[in-house]
Amino acid sequence: MEAAERDSTEDWLIPESSAPPLLSELEQRIDEALVIAKASEKAVVEVGAAAIEAAEQARRAAEVAERATAAVLGASAAEPGEDAALRRFSERADRVVARLRALERRPRWGRAASAGAVPRRPGG
């Protein structure tokens, strides 16, 4: 073979634009990927812990709601005569309301009453 027919070393050179990354560049990319992966893992762990805490709070809220519902159902199932103190309180409240309504229907004295002032008693 003649020297003119041989390949030159320049024929085997790869252009810089299509050259593969250097080993140091690959190591740098791997380090960056590890940092990102560790940060992602930490974030996922925190989100998971928050989700577990939220589920626990929801469970506690459901238990409180169940107890409240049971208490309401138990109170509504009770006979009216079972709680005498509550019955007496309701009767007294009804009497007070009746008195207040009766007072509202009474006529007011004097001109000041129509303006919203405290009514005067006759002769006073």
Protein backbone atom coordinates (compact mmCIF):
# COMPACT_ATOMS: atom_id res chain seq x y z
CA MET A 1 0.00 0.00 0.00
CA GLU A 2 1.18 3.32 -0.84
CA ALA A 3 1.29 6.16 1.65
CA ALA A 4 -1.24 8.17 -0.32
CA GLU A 5 -3.85 5.44 -0.01
CA ARG A 6 -3.50 5.06 3.73
CA ASP A 7 -5.91 6.71 6.11
CA SER A 8 -4.61 9.62 8.01
CA THR A 9 -5.21 10.01 11.72
CA GLU A 10 -7.28 13.10 11.05
CA ASP A 11 -9.83 10.91 9.28
CA TRP A 12 -10.51 9.21 12.62
CA LEU A 13 -10.92 12.33 14.73
CA ILE A 14 -14.40 13.02 16.05
CA PRO A 15 -15.65 16.57 15.81
CA GLU A 16 -15.85 18.31 19.19
CA SER A 17 -19.60 18.88 18.80
CA SER A 18 -20.27 15.14 18.70
CA ALA A 19 -17.58 13.99 21.10
CA PRO A 20 -18.76 11.84 24.05
CA PRO A 21 -18.57 13.41 27.50
CA LEU A 22 -15.37 13.13 29.44
CA LEU A 23 -15.18 10.88 32.48
CA SER A 24 -15.03 13.93 34.78
CA GLU A 25 -18.24 15.28 33.18
CA LEU A 26 -19.98 11.94 33.70
CA GLU A 27 -18.89 11.88 37.36
CA GLN A 28 -20.24 15.41 37.81
CA ARG A 29 -23.61 14.41 36.29
CA ILE A 30 -23.77 11.36 38.55
CA ASP A 31 -23.06 13.51 41.63
CA GLU A 32 -25.82 15.93 40.62
CA ALA A 33 -28.23 13.05 40.06
CA LEU A 34 -27.41 11.66 43.53
CA VAL A 35 -28.05 15.04 45.17
CA ILE A 36 -31.40 15.32 43.38
CA ALA A 37 -32.34 11.73 44.25
CA LYS A 38 -31.52 12.25 47.95
CA ALA A 39 -33.51 15.50 48.08
CA SER A 40 -36.44 13.79 46.36
CA GLU A 41 -36.28 10.89 48.80
CA LYS A 42 -36.30 13.29 51.75
CA ALA A 43 -39.28 15.16 50.31
CA VAL A 44 -41.19 11.92 49.76
CA VAL A 45 -40.50 10.82 53.34
CA GLU A 46 -41.78 14.18 54.65
CA VAL A 47 -44.91 14.01 52.49
CA GLY A 48 -45.51 10.45 53.65
CA ALA A 49 -45.16 11.47 57.30
CA ALA A 50 -47.57 14.35 56.76
CA ALA A 51 -50.04 12.00 55.09
CA ILE A 52 -49.81 9.54 57.98
CA GLU A 53 -50.36 12.37 60.50
CA ALA A 54 -53.35 13.65 58.51
CA ALA A 55 -54.84 10.15 58.44
CA GLU A 56 -54.37 9.85 62.20
CA GLN A 57 -56.08 13.20 62.77
CA ALA A 58 -58.93 12.13 60.51
CA ARG A 59 -59.30 8.89 62.47
CA ARG A 60 -59.42 10.80 65.77
CA ALA A 61 -61.98 13.23 64.34
CA ALA A 62 -64.11 10.32 63.16
CA GLU A 63 -63.99 8.75 66.62
CA VAL A 64 -65.09 12.03 68.22
CA ALA A 65 -67.90 12.34 65.67
CA GLU A 66 -69.01 8.77 66.39
CA ARG A 67 -69.09 9.45 70.14
CA ALA A 68 -71.02 12.70 69.59
CA THR A 69 -73.51 10.92 67.36
CA ALA A 70 -73.98 8.18 69.92
CA ALA A 71 -74.54 10.78 72.64
CA VAL A 72 -77.11 12.63 70.54
CA LEU A 73 -78.90 9.42 69.62
CA GLY A 74 -78.83 8.32 73.25
CA ALA A 75 -80.25 11.66 74.41
CA SER A 76 -83.02 11.65 71.80
CA ALA A 77 -83.98 8.09 72.73
CA ALA A 78 -84.49 9.03 76.39
CA GLU A 79 -88.00 9.35 77.74
CA PRO A 80 -89.16 12.93 78.48
CA GLY A 81 -89.84 12.02 82.12
CA GLU A 82 -86.35 10.65 82.73
CA ASP A 83 -84.65 14.02 83.14
CA ALA A 84 -86.78 15.98 85.59
CA ALA A 85 -84.31 18.86 85.93
CA LEU A 86 -84.32 19.47 82.18
CA ARG A 87 -88.12 19.29 82.10
CA ARG A 88 -88.41 21.83 84.97
CA PHE A 89 -85.94 24.15 83.22
CA SER A 90 -87.93 23.99 79.97
CA GLU A 91 -91.20 24.68 81.80
CA ARG A 92 -89.70 27.70 83.58
CA ALA A 93 -88.26 29.01 80.28
CA ASP A 94 -91.71 28.68 78.70
CA ARG A 95 -93.25 30.70 81.56
CA VAL A 96 -90.60 33.45 81.20
CA VAL A 97 -91.23 33.66 77.45
CA ALA A 98 -94.98 33.92 78.06
CA ARG A 99 -94.43 36.79 80.54
CA LEU A 100 -92.16 38.64 78.12
CA ARG A 101 -94.72 38.33 75.33
CA ALA A 102 -97.43 39.62 77.64
CA LEU A 103 -95.24 42.62 78.51
CA GLU A 104 -94.69 43.36 74.84
CA ARG A 105 -98.44 43.61 74.29
CA ARG A 106 -98.98 46.10 77.11
CA PRO A 107 -99.52 49.73 76.03
CA ARG A 108 -96.73 52.22 76.65
CA TRP A 109 -97.30 55.44 78.54
CA GLY A 110 -96.49 58.98 77.43
CA ARG A 111 -95.19 60.53 74.26
CA ALA A 112 -91.60 59.43 74.90
CA ALA A 113 -92.61 55.81 74.42
CA SER A 114 -93.25 56.35 70.73
CA ALA A 115 -89.71 57.73 70.34
CA GLY A 116 -88.22 54.61 71.86
CA ALA A 117 -87.48 56.06 75.32
CA VAL A 118 -88.32 54.38 78.60
CA PRO A 119 -92.07 54.72 79.27
CA ARG A 120 -93.22 56.85 82.18
CA ARG A 121 -95.76 55.65 84.64
CA PRO A 122 -98.89 57.75 85.04
CA GLY A 123 -98.46 60.32 87.81
CA GLY A 124 -94.70 59.99 87.75
